[in-house]
Amino acid sequence: GARVSKQDELCGLDIAEHGVTAYPEFNS
């Protein structure tokens, strides 16, 4: 599968693919 799902894209690949976020203080 090449394209991420709609939900993953809307969430952002940080959370969808890695379970982390680059700016946790802004995404609590």
mmCIF file of all heavy atoms, coordinates in Angstrom:
data_MODEL
# 
_entry.id   MODEL 
# 
loop_
_atom_site.group_PDB 
_atom_site.id 
_atom_site.type_symbol 
_atom_site.label_atom_id 
_atom_site.label_alt_id 
_atom_site.label_comp_id 
_atom_site.label_asym_id 
_atom_site.label_entity_id 
_atom_site.label_seq_id 
_atom_site.pdbx_PDB_ins_code 
_atom_site.Cartn_x 
_atom_site.Cartn_y 
_atom_site.Cartn_z 
_atom_site.occupancy 
_atom_site.B_iso_or_equiv 
_atom_site.pdbx_formal_charge 
_atom_site.auth_seq_id 
_atom_site.auth_comp_id 
_atom_site.auth_asym_id 
_atom_site.auth_atom_id 
_atom_site.pdbx_PDB_model_num 
ATOM 1   N N   . GLY A 1 1  ? 0.825   -1.194 0.000  1.00 0.00 ? 1  GLY A N   1 
ATOM 2   C CA  . GLY A 1 1  ? 0.000   0.000  0.000  1.00 0.00 ? 1  GLY A CA  1 
ATOM 3   C C   . GLY A 1 1  ? 0.863   1.249  0.000  1.00 0.00 ? 1  GLY A C   1 
ATOM 4   O O   . GLY A 1 1  ? 1.771   1.375  0.831  1.00 0.00 ? 1  GLY A O   1 
ATOM 5   N N   . ALA A 1 2  ? 0.604   2.152  -0.924 1.00 0.00 ? 2  ALA A N   1 
ATOM 6   C CA  . ALA A 1 2  ? 1.448   3.340  -1.058 1.00 0.00 ? 2  ALA A CA  1 
ATOM 7   C C   . ALA A 1 2  ? 0.862   4.567  -0.366 1.00 0.00 ? 2  ALA A C   1 
ATOM 8   O O   . ALA A 1 2  ? 1.601   5.350  0.232  1.00 0.00 ? 2  ALA A O   1 
ATOM 9   C CB  . ALA A 1 2  ? 1.682   3.645  -2.536 1.00 0.00 ? 2  ALA A CB  1 
ATOM 10  N N   . ARG A 1 3  ? -0.447  4.731  -0.416 1.00 0.00 ? 3  ARG A N   1 
ATOM 11  C CA  . ARG A 1 3  ? -1.085  5.937  0.122  1.00 0.00 ? 3  ARG A CA  1 
ATOM 12  C C   . ARG A 1 3  ? -1.623  5.675  1.521  1.00 0.00 ? 3  ARG A C   1 
ATOM 13  O O   . ARG A 1 3  ? -2.251  4.652  1.781  1.00 0.00 ? 3  ARG A O   1 
ATOM 14  C CB  . ARG A 1 3  ? -2.216  6.370  -0.805 1.00 0.00 ? 3  ARG A CB  1 
ATOM 15  C CG  . ARG A 1 3  ? -3.041  7.575  -0.304 1.00 0.00 ? 3  ARG A CG  1 
ATOM 16  C CD  . ARG A 1 3  ? -2.391  8.878  -0.637 1.00 0.00 ? 3  ARG A CD  1 
ATOM 17  N NE  . ARG A 1 3  ? -3.057  10.006 -0.008 1.00 0.00 ? 3  ARG A NE  1 
ATOM 18  C CZ  . ARG A 1 3  ? -3.422  11.120 -0.660 1.00 0.00 ? 3  ARG A CZ  1 
ATOM 19  N NH1 . ARG A 1 3  ? -3.206  11.227 -1.945 1.00 0.00 ? 3  ARG A NH1 1 
ATOM 20  N NH2 . ARG A 1 3  ? -3.990  12.118 -0.021 1.00 0.00 ? 3  ARG A NH2 1 
ATOM 21  N N   . VAL A 1 4  ? -1.372  6.617  2.421  1.00 0.00 ? 4  VAL A N   1 
ATOM 22  C CA  . VAL A 1 4  ? -1.915  6.498  3.776  1.00 0.00 ? 4  VAL A CA  1 
ATOM 23  C C   . VAL A 1 4  ? -3.428  6.666  3.737  1.00 0.00 ? 4  VAL A C   1 
ATOM 24  O O   . VAL A 1 4  ? -3.992  7.225  2.787  1.00 0.00 ? 4  VAL A O   1 
ATOM 25  C CB  . VAL A 1 4  ? -1.291  7.549  4.722  1.00 0.00 ? 4  VAL A CB  1 
ATOM 26  C CG1 . VAL A 1 4  ? 0.208   7.346  4.851  1.00 0.00 ? 4  VAL A CG1 1 
ATOM 27  C CG2 . VAL A 1 4  ? -1.609  8.962  4.240  1.00 0.00 ? 4  VAL A CG2 1 
ATOM 28  N N   . SER A 1 5  ? -4.094  6.197  4.767  1.00 0.00 ? 5  SER A N   1 
ATOM 29  C CA  . SER A 1 5  ? -5.549  6.323  4.842  1.00 0.00 ? 5  SER A CA  1 
ATOM 30  C C   . SER A 1 5  ? -5.943  7.779  5.073  1.00 0.00 ? 5  SER A C   1 
ATOM 31  O O   . SER A 1 5  ? -5.129  8.599  5.519  1.00 0.00 ? 5  SER A O   1 
ATOM 32  C CB  . SER A 1 5  ? -6.101  5.462  5.974  1.00 0.00 ? 5  SER A CB  1 
ATOM 33  O OG  . SER A 1 5  ? -5.690  5.985  7.229  1.00 0.00 ? 5  SER A OG  1 
ATOM 34  N N   . LYS A 1 6  ? -7.196  8.066  4.795  1.00 0.00 ? 6  LYS A N   1 
ATOM 35  C CA  . LYS A 1 6  ? -7.706  9.426  5.002  1.00 0.00 ? 6  LYS A CA  1 
ATOM 36  C C   . LYS A 1 6  ? -7.572  9.834  6.464  1.00 0.00 ? 6  LYS A C   1 
ATOM 37  O O   . LYS A 1 6  ? -7.141  10.964 6.764  1.00 0.00 ? 6  LYS A O   1 
ATOM 38  C CB  . LYS A 1 6  ? -9.167  9.486  4.561  1.00 0.00 ? 6  LYS A CB  1 
ATOM 39  C CG  . LYS A 1 6  ? -9.843  10.814 4.826  1.00 0.00 ? 6  LYS A CG  1 
ATOM 40  C CD  . LYS A 1 6  ? -11.293 10.768 4.371  1.00 0.00 ? 6  LYS A CD  1 
ATOM 41  C CE  . LYS A 1 6  ? -12.016 12.072 4.698  1.00 0.00 ? 6  LYS A CE  1 
ATOM 42  N NZ  . LYS A 1 6  ? -13.453 12.032 4.268  1.00 0.00 ? 6  LYS A NZ  1 
ATOM 43  N N   . GLN A 1 7  ? -7.907  8.919  7.365  1.00 0.00 ? 7  GLN A N   1 
ATOM 44  C CA  . GLN A 1 7  ? -7.829  9.239  8.784  1.00 0.00 ? 7  GLN A CA  1 
ATOM 45  C C   . GLN A 1 7  ? -6.382  9.523  9.204  1.00 0.00 ? 7  GLN A C   1 
ATOM 46  O O   . GLN A 1 7  ? -6.121  10.479 9.949  1.00 0.00 ? 7  GLN A O   1 
ATOM 47  C CB  . GLN A 1 7  ? -8.403  8.084  9.611  1.00 0.00 ? 7  GLN A CB  1 
ATOM 48  C CG  . GLN A 1 7  ? -8.317  8.271  11.120 1.00 0.00 ? 7  GLN A CG  1 
ATOM 49  C CD  . GLN A 1 7  ? -9.209  9.395  11.630 1.00 0.00 ? 7  GLN A CD  1 
ATOM 50  O OE1 . GLN A 1 7  ? -10.071 9.890  10.904 1.00 0.00 ? 7  GLN A OE1 1 
ATOM 51  N NE2 . GLN A 1 7  ? -8.977  9.817  12.864 1.00 0.00 ? 7  GLN A NE2 1 
ATOM 52  N N   . ASP A 1 8  ? -5.451  8.704  8.729  1.00 0.00 ? 8  ASP A N   1 
ATOM 53  C CA  . ASP A 1 8  ? -4.038  8.906  9.083  1.00 0.00 ? 8  ASP A CA  1 
ATOM 54  C C   . ASP A 1 8  ? -3.520  10.231 8.545  1.00 0.00 ? 8  ASP A C   1 
ATOM 55  O O   . ASP A 1 8  ? -2.744  10.924 9.211  1.00 0.00 ? 8  ASP A O   1 
ATOM 56  C CB  . ASP A 1 8  ? -3.191  7.756  8.543  1.00 0.00 ? 8  ASP A CB  1 
ATOM 57  C CG  . ASP A 1 8  ? -3.380  6.474  9.340  1.00 0.00 ? 8  ASP A CG  1 
ATOM 58  O OD1 . ASP A 1 8  ? -3.995  6.533  10.416 1.00 0.00 ? 8  ASP A OD1 1 
ATOM 59  O OD2 . ASP A 1 8  ? -2.908  5.415  8.878  1.00 0.00 ? 8  ASP A OD2 1 
ATOM 60  N N   . GLU A 1 9  ? -3.947  10.586 7.347  1.00 0.00 ? 9  GLU A N   1 
ATOM 61  C CA  . GLU A 1 9  ? -3.479  11.846 6.778  1.00 0.00 ? 9  GLU A CA  1 
ATOM 62  C C   . GLU A 1 9  ? -4.034  13.033 7.549  1.00 0.00 ? 9  GLU A C   1 
ATOM 63  O O   . GLU A 1 9  ? -3.324  14.020 7.789  1.00 0.00 ? 9  GLU A O   1 
ATOM 64  C CB  . GLU A 1 9  ? -3.888  11.939 5.306  1.00 0.00 ? 9  GLU A CB  1 
ATOM 65  C CG  . GLU A 1 9  ? -3.349  13.186 4.620  1.00 0.00 ? 9  GLU A CG  1 
ATOM 66  C CD  . GLU A 1 9  ? -3.643  13.228 3.137  1.00 0.00 ? 9  GLU A CD  1 
ATOM 67  O OE1 . GLU A 1 9  ? -3.996  12.177 2.564  1.00 0.00 ? 9  GLU A OE1 1 
ATOM 68  O OE2 . GLU A 1 9  ? -3.524  14.328 2.550  1.00 0.00 ? 9  GLU A OE2 1 
ATOM 69  N N   . LEU A 1 10 ? -5.280  12.949 7.934  1.00 0.00 ? 10 LEU A N   1 
ATOM 70  C CA  . LEU A 1 10 ? -5.868  14.043 8.698  1.00 0.00 ? 10 LEU A CA  1 
ATOM 71  C C   . LEU A 1 10 ? -5.249  14.141 10.087 1.00 0.00 ? 10 LEU A C   1 
ATOM 72  O O   . LEU A 1 10 ? -5.065  15.230 10.621 1.00 0.00 ? 10 LEU A O   1 
ATOM 73  C CB  . LEU A 1 10 ? -7.383  13.850 8.804  1.00 0.00 ? 10 LEU A CB  1 
ATOM 74  C CG  . LEU A 1 10 ? -8.168  13.995 7.490  1.00 0.00 ? 10 LEU A CG  1 
ATOM 75  C CD1 . LEU A 1 10 ? -9.634  13.665 7.716  1.00 0.00 ? 10 LEU A CD1 1 
ATOM 76  C CD2 . LEU A 1 10 ? -8.007  15.400 6.916  1.00 0.00 ? 10 LEU A CD2 1 
ATOM 77  N N   . CYS A 1 11 ? -4.934  13.000 10.681 1.00 0.00 ? 11 CYS A N   1 
ATOM 78  C CA  . CYS A 1 11 ? -4.284  13.010 11.999 1.00 0.00 ? 11 CYS A CA  1 
ATOM 79  C C   . CYS A 1 11 ? -2.865  13.540 11.897 1.00 0.00 ? 11 CYS A C   1 
ATOM 80  O O   . CYS A 1 11 ? -2.358  14.188 12.814 1.00 0.00 ? 11 CYS A O   1 
ATOM 81  C CB  . CYS A 1 11 ? -4.246  11.599 12.580 1.00 0.00 ? 11 CYS A CB  1 
ATOM 82  S SG  . CYS A 1 11 ? -5.841  10.974 13.127 1.00 0.00 ? 11 CYS A SG  1 
ATOM 83  N N   . GLY A 1 12 ? -2.222  13.246 10.793 1.00 0.00 ? 12 GLY A N   1 
ATOM 84  C CA  . GLY A 1 12 ? -0.809  13.573 10.645 1.00 0.00 ? 12 GLY A CA  1 
ATOM 85  C C   . GLY A 1 12 ? 0.017   12.307 10.790 1.00 0.00 ? 12 GLY A C   1 
ATOM 86  O O   . GLY A 1 12 ? -0.289  11.433 11.619 1.00 0.00 ? 12 GLY A O   1 
ATOM 87  N N   . LEU A 1 13 ? 1.078   12.196 10.019 1.00 0.00 ? 13 LEU A N   1 
ATOM 88  C CA  . LEU A 1 13 ? 1.875   10.975 10.021 1.00 0.00 ? 13 LEU A CA  1 
ATOM 89  C C   . LEU A 1 13 ? 2.722   10.826 11.270 1.00 0.00 ? 13 LEU A C   1 
ATOM 90  O O   . LEU A 1 13 ? 3.216   9.731  11.550 1.00 0.00 ? 13 LEU A O   1 
ATOM 91  C CB  . LEU A 1 13 ? 2.749   10.933 8.767  1.00 0.00 ? 13 LEU A CB  1 
ATOM 92  C CG  . LEU A 1 13 ? 1.998   10.941 7.435  1.00 0.00 ? 13 LEU A CG  1 
ATOM 93  C CD1 . LEU A 1 13 ? 2.945   10.665 6.268  1.00 0.00 ? 13 LEU A CD1 1 
ATOM 94  C CD2 . LEU A 1 13 ? 0.853   9.950  7.436  1.00 0.00 ? 13 LEU A CD2 1 
ATOM 95  N N   . ASP A 1 14 ? 2.905   11.894 12.031 1.00 0.00 ? 14 ASP A N   1 
ATOM 96  C CA  . ASP A 1 14 ? 3.629   11.763 13.292 1.00 0.00 ? 14 ASP A CA  1 
ATOM 97  C C   . ASP A 1 14 ? 2.924   10.750 14.193 1.00 0.00 ? 14 ASP A C   1 
ATOM 98  O O   . ASP A 1 14 ? 3.529   9.784  14.677 1.00 0.00 ? 14 ASP A O   1 
ATOM 99  C CB  . ASP A 1 14 ? 3.702   13.114 14.014 1.00 0.00 ? 14 ASP A CB  1 
ATOM 100 C CG  . ASP A 1 14 ? 4.660   14.079 13.345 1.00 0.00 ? 14 ASP A CG  1 
ATOM 101 O OD1 . ASP A 1 14 ? 5.221   13.715 12.292 1.00 0.00 ? 14 ASP A OD1 1 
ATOM 102 O OD2 . ASP A 1 14 ? 4.844   15.183 13.868 1.00 0.00 ? 14 ASP A OD2 1 
ATOM 103 N N   . ILE A 1 15 ? 1.629   10.971 14.438 1.00 0.00 ? 15 ILE A N   1 
ATOM 104 C CA  . ILE A 1 15 ? 0.848   10.088 15.296 1.00 0.00 ? 15 ILE A CA  1 
ATOM 105 C C   . ILE A 1 15 ? 0.559   8.764  14.598 1.00 0.00 ? 15 ILE A C   1 
ATOM 106 O O   . ILE A 1 15 ? 0.715   7.682  15.164 1.00 0.00 ? 15 ILE A O   1 
ATOM 107 C CB  . ILE A 1 15 ? -0.470  10.766 15.713 1.00 0.00 ? 15 ILE A CB  1 
ATOM 108 C CG1 . ILE A 1 15 ? -0.180  11.950 16.657 1.00 0.00 ? 15 ILE A CG1 1 
ATOM 109 C CG2 . ILE A 1 15 ? -1.411  9.763  16.367 1.00 0.00 ? 15 ILE A CG2 1 
ATOM 110 C CD1 . ILE A 1 15 ? 0.393   11.537 17.995 1.00 0.00 ? 15 ILE A CD1 1 
ATOM 111 N N   . ALA A 1 16 ? 0.141   8.841  13.318 1.00 0.00 ? 16 ALA A N   1 
ATOM 112 C CA  . ALA A 1 16 ? -0.311  7.652  12.610 1.00 0.00 ? 16 ALA A CA  1 
ATOM 113 C C   . ALA A 1 16 ? 0.796   6.632  12.408 1.00 0.00 ? 16 ALA A C   1 
ATOM 114 O O   . ALA A 1 16 ? 0.577   5.426  12.538 1.00 0.00 ? 16 ALA A O   1 
ATOM 115 C CB  . ALA A 1 16 ? -0.899  8.054  11.256 1.00 0.00 ? 16 ALA A CB  1 
ATOM 116 N N   . GLU A 1 17 ? 2.010   7.094  12.089 1.00 0.00 ? 17 GLU A N   1 
ATOM 117 C CA  . GLU A 1 17 ? 3.092   6.169  11.751 1.00 0.00 ? 17 GLU A CA  1 
ATOM 118 C C   . GLU A 1 17 ? 4.083   5.957  12.895 1.00 0.00 ? 17 GLU A C   1 
ATOM 119 O O   . GLU A 1 17 ? 4.772   4.939  12.923 1.00 0.00 ? 17 GLU A O   1 
ATOM 120 C CB  . GLU A 1 17 ? 3.854   6.670  10.518 1.00 0.00 ? 17 GLU A CB  1 
ATOM 121 C CG  . GLU A 1 17 ? 3.034   6.703  9.234  1.00 0.00 ? 17 GLU A CG  1 
ATOM 122 C CD  . GLU A 1 17 ? 2.878   5.323  8.602  1.00 0.00 ? 17 GLU A CD  1 
ATOM 123 O OE1 . GLU A 1 17 ? 3.134   4.315  9.300  1.00 0.00 ? 17 GLU A OE1 1 
ATOM 124 O OE2 . GLU A 1 17 ? 2.490   5.248  7.425  1.00 0.00 ? 17 GLU A OE2 1 
ATOM 125 N N   . HIS A 1 18 ? 4.164   6.912  13.836 1.00 0.00 ? 18 HIS A N   1 
ATOM 126 C CA  . HIS A 1 18 ? 5.225   6.837  14.836 1.00 0.00 ? 18 HIS A CA  1 
ATOM 127 C C   . HIS A 1 18 ? 4.721   6.935  16.273 1.00 0.00 ? 18 HIS A C   1 
ATOM 128 O O   . HIS A 1 18 ? 5.471   6.657  17.212 1.00 0.00 ? 18 HIS A O   1 
ATOM 129 C CB  . HIS A 1 18 ? 6.266   7.937  14.591 1.00 0.00 ? 18 HIS A CB  1 
ATOM 130 C CG  . HIS A 1 18 ? 6.774   7.965  13.188 1.00 0.00 ? 18 HIS A CG  1 
ATOM 131 N ND1 . HIS A 1 18 ? 7.721   7.071  12.726 1.00 0.00 ? 18 HIS A ND1 1 
ATOM 132 C CD2 . HIS A 1 18 ? 6.454   8.755  12.125 1.00 0.00 ? 18 HIS A CD2 1 
ATOM 133 C CE1 . HIS A 1 18 ? 7.963   7.328  11.443 1.00 0.00 ? 18 HIS A CE1 1 
ATOM 134 N NE2 . HIS A 1 18 ? 7.202   8.343  11.064 1.00 0.00 ? 18 HIS A NE2 1 
ATOM 135 N N   . GLY A 1 19 ? 3.481   7.362  16.456 1.00 0.00 ? 19 GLY A N   1 
ATOM 136 C CA  . GLY A 1 19 ? 2.949   7.473  17.803 1.00 0.00 ? 19 GLY A CA  1 
ATOM 137 C C   . GLY A 1 19 ? 3.546   8.594  18.622 1.00 0.00 ? 19 GLY A C   1 
ATOM 138 O O   . GLY A 1 19 ? 3.468   8.599  19.857 1.00 0.00 ? 19 GLY A O   1 
ATOM 139 N N   . VAL A 1 20 ? 4.145   9.560  17.954 1.00 0.00 ? 20 VAL A N   1 
ATOM 140 C CA  . VAL A 1 20 ? 4.711   10.726 18.635 1.00 0.00 ? 20 VAL A CA  1 
ATOM 141 C C   . VAL A 1 20 ? 4.302   11.969 17.857 1.00 0.00 ? 20 VAL A C   1 
ATOM 142 O O   . VAL A 1 20 ? 3.753   11.879 16.757 1.00 0.00 ? 20 VAL A O   1 
ATOM 143 C CB  . VAL A 1 20 ? 6.260   10.661 18.722 1.00 0.00 ? 20 VAL A CB  1 
ATOM 144 C CG1 . VAL A 1 20 ? 6.708   9.447  19.500 1.00 0.00 ? 20 VAL A CG1 1 
ATOM 145 C CG2 . VAL A 1 20 ? 6.878   10.669 17.320 1.00 0.00 ? 20 VAL A CG2 1 
ATOM 146 N N   . THR A 1 21 ? 4.547   13.119 18.431 1.00 0.00 ? 21 THR A N   1 
ATOM 147 C CA  . THR A 1 21 ? 4.300   14.372 17.730 1.00 0.00 ? 21 THR A CA  1 
ATOM 148 C C   . THR A 1 21 ? 5.498   15.287 17.918 1.00 0.00 ? 21 THR A C   1 
ATOM 149 O O   . THR A 1 21 ? 6.164   15.265 18.958 1.00 0.00 ? 21 THR A O   1 
ATOM 150 C CB  . THR A 1 21 ? 3.019   15.051 18.230 1.00 0.00 ? 21 THR A CB  1 
ATOM 151 O OG1 . THR A 1 21 ? 2.830   16.282 17.532 1.00 0.00 ? 21 THR A OG1 1 
ATOM 152 C CG2 . THR A 1 21 ? 3.079   15.308 19.729 1.00 0.00 ? 21 THR A CG2 1 
ATOM 153 N N   . ALA A 1 22 ? 5.793   16.072 16.890 1.00 0.00 ? 22 ALA A N   1 
ATOM 154 C CA  . ALA A 1 22 ? 6.967   16.941 16.938 1.00 0.00 ? 22 ALA A CA  1 
ATOM 155 C C   . ALA A 1 22 ? 6.822   18.042 17.980 1.00 0.00 ? 22 ALA A C   1 
ATOM 156 O O   . ALA A 1 22 ? 7.816   18.514 18.538 1.00 0.00 ? 22 ALA A O   1 
ATOM 157 C CB  . ALA A 1 22 ? 7.218   17.554 15.557 1.00 0.00 ? 22 ALA A CB  1 
ATOM 158 N N   . TYR A 1 23 ? 5.596   18.455 18.264 1.00 0.00 ? 23 TYR A N   1 
ATOM 159 C CA  . TYR A 1 23 ? 5.357   19.570 19.177 1.00 0.00 ? 23 TYR A CA  1 
ATOM 160 C C   . TYR A 1 23 ? 4.302   19.158 20.207 1.00 0.00 ? 23 TYR A C   1 
ATOM 161 O O   . TYR A 1 23 ? 3.141   19.602 20.149 1.00 0.00 ? 23 TYR A O   1 
ATOM 162 C CB  . TYR A 1 23 ? 4.890   20.800 18.399 1.00 0.00 ? 23 TYR A CB  1 
ATOM 163 C CG  . TYR A 1 23 ? 5.849   21.206 17.309 1.00 0.00 ? 23 TYR A CG  1 
ATOM 164 C CD1 . TYR A 1 23 ? 5.605   20.853 15.975 1.00 0.00 ? 23 TYR A CD1 1 
ATOM 165 C CD2 . TYR A 1 23 ? 7.009   21.925 17.595 1.00 0.00 ? 23 TYR A CD2 1 
ATOM 166 C CE1 . TYR A 1 23 ? 6.484   21.214 14.964 1.00 0.00 ? 23 TYR A CE1 1 
ATOM 167 C CE2 . TYR A 1 23 ? 7.895   22.283 16.588 1.00 0.00 ? 23 TYR A CE2 1 
ATOM 168 C CZ  . TYR A 1 23 ? 7.626   21.926 15.280 1.00 0.00 ? 23 TYR A CZ  1 
ATOM 169 O OH  . TYR A 1 23 ? 8.504   22.282 14.281 1.00 0.00 ? 23 TYR A OH  1 
ATOM 170 N N   . PRO A 1 24 ? 4.656   18.309 21.172 1.00 0.00 ? 24 PRO A N   1 
ATOM 171 C CA  . PRO A 1 24 ? 3.654   17.791 22.125 1.00 0.00 ? 24 PRO A CA  1 
ATOM 172 C C   . PRO A 1 24 ? 2.999   18.867 22.964 1.00 0.00 ? 24 PRO A C   1 
ATOM 173 O O   . PRO A 1 24 ? 1.840   18.729 23.355 1.00 0.00 ? 24 PRO A O   1 
ATOM 174 C CB  . PRO A 1 24 ? 4.465   16.823 22.991 1.00 0.00 ? 24 PRO A CB  1 
ATOM 175 C CG  . PRO A 1 24 ? 5.891   17.244 22.825 1.00 0.00 ? 24 PRO A CG  1 
ATOM 176 C CD  . PRO A 1 24 ? 5.991   17.757 21.428 1.00 0.00 ? 24 PRO A CD  1 
ATOM 177 N N   . GLU A 1 25 ? 3.695   19.957 23.252 1.00 0.00 ? 25 GLU A N   1 
ATOM 178 C CA  . GLU A 1 25 ? 3.111   20.991 24.090 1.00 0.00 ? 25 GLU A CA  1 
ATOM 179 C C   . GLU A 1 25 ? 1.961   21.712 23.383 1.00 0.00 ? 25 GLU A C   1 
ATOM 180 O O   . GLU A 1 25 ? 1.110   22.319 24.022 1.00 0.00 ? 25 GLU A O   1 
ATOM 181 C CB  . GLU A 1 25 ? 4.176   22.017 24.522 1.00 0.00 ? 25 GLU A CB  1 
ATOM 182 C CG  . GLU A 1 25 ? 4.790   22.828 23.382 1.00 0.00 ? 25 GLU A CG  1 
ATOM 183 C CD  . GLU A 1 25 ? 5.988   22.123 22.750 1.00 0.00 ? 25 GLU A CD  1 
ATOM 184 O OE1 . GLU A 1 25 ? 6.060   20.886 22.832 1.00 0.00 ? 25 GLU A OE1 1 
ATOM 185 O OE2 . GLU A 1 25 ? 6.834   22.835 22.164 1.00 0.00 ? 25 GLU A OE2 1 
ATOM 186 N N   . PHE A 1 26 ? 1.943   21.626 22.039 1.00 0.00 ? 26 PHE A N   1 
ATOM 187 C CA  . PHE A 1 26 ? 0.865   22.259 21.289 1.00 0.00 ? 26 PHE A CA  1 
ATOM 188 C C   . PHE A 1 26 ? -0.207  21.252 20.868 1.00 0.00 ? 26 PHE A C   1 
ATOM 189 O O   . PHE A 1 26 ? -1.190  21.618 20.243 1.00 0.00 ? 26 PHE A O   1 
ATOM 190 C CB  . PHE A 1 26 ? 1.412   22.955 20.045 1.00 0.00 ? 26 PHE A CB  1 
ATOM 191 C CG  . PHE A 1 26 ? 2.396   24.041 20.378 1.00 0.00 ? 26 PHE A CG  1 
ATOM 192 C CD1 . PHE A 1 26 ? 3.721   23.951 19.979 1.00 0.00 ? 26 PHE A CD1 1 
ATOM 193 C CD2 . PHE A 1 26 ? 2.002   25.158 21.089 1.00 0.00 ? 26 PHE A CD2 1 
ATOM 194 C CE1 . PHE A 1 26 ? 4.632   24.944 20.284 1.00 0.00 ? 26 PHE A CE1 1 
ATOM 195 C CE2 . PHE A 1 26 ? 2.913   26.162 21.406 1.00 0.00 ? 26 PHE A CE2 1 
ATOM 196 C CZ  . PHE A 1 26 ? 4.231   26.054 21.004 1.00 0.00 ? 26 PHE A CZ  1 
ATOM 197 N N   . ASN A 1 27 ? 0.025   19.985 21.157 1.00 0.00 ? 27 ASN A N   1 
ATOM 198 C CA  . ASN A 1 27 ? -0.914  18.952 20.741 1.00 0.00 ? 27 ASN A CA  1 
ATOM 199 C C   . ASN A 1 27 ? -1.253  18.038 21.907 1.00 0.00 ? 27 ASN A C   1 
ATOM 200 O O   . ASN A 1 27 ? -1.324  16.825 21.771 1.00 0.00 ? 27 ASN A O   1 
ATOM 201 C CB  . ASN A 1 27 ? -0.325  18.121 19.590 1.00 0.00 ? 27 ASN A CB  1 
ATOM 202 C CG  . ASN A 1 27 ? -0.115  18.947 18.332 1.00 0.00 ? 27 ASN A CG  1 
ATOM 203 O OD1 . ASN A 1 27 ? -1.042  19.204 17.580 1.00 0.00 ? 27 ASN A OD1 1 
ATOM 204 N ND2 . ASN A 1 27 ? 1.116   19.380 18.122 1.00 0.00 ? 27 ASN A ND2 1 
ATOM 205 N N   . SER A 1 28 ? -1.453  18.621 23.059 1.00 0.00 ? 28 SER A N   1 
ATOM 206 C CA  . SER A 1 28 ? -1.682  17.830 24.270 1.00 0.00 ? 28 SER A CA  1 
ATOM 207 C C   . SER A 1 28 ? -2.981  17.035 24.205 1.00 0.00 ? 28 SER A C   1 
ATOM 208 O O   . SER A 1 28 ? -3.134  16.021 24.896 1.00 0.00 ? 28 SER A O   1 
ATOM 209 C CB  . SER A 1 28 ? -1.707  18.741 25.495 1.00 0.00 ? 28 SER A CB  1 
ATOM 210 O OG  . SER A 1 28 ? -2.713  19.738 25.353 1.00 0.00 ? 28 SER A OG  1 
# 
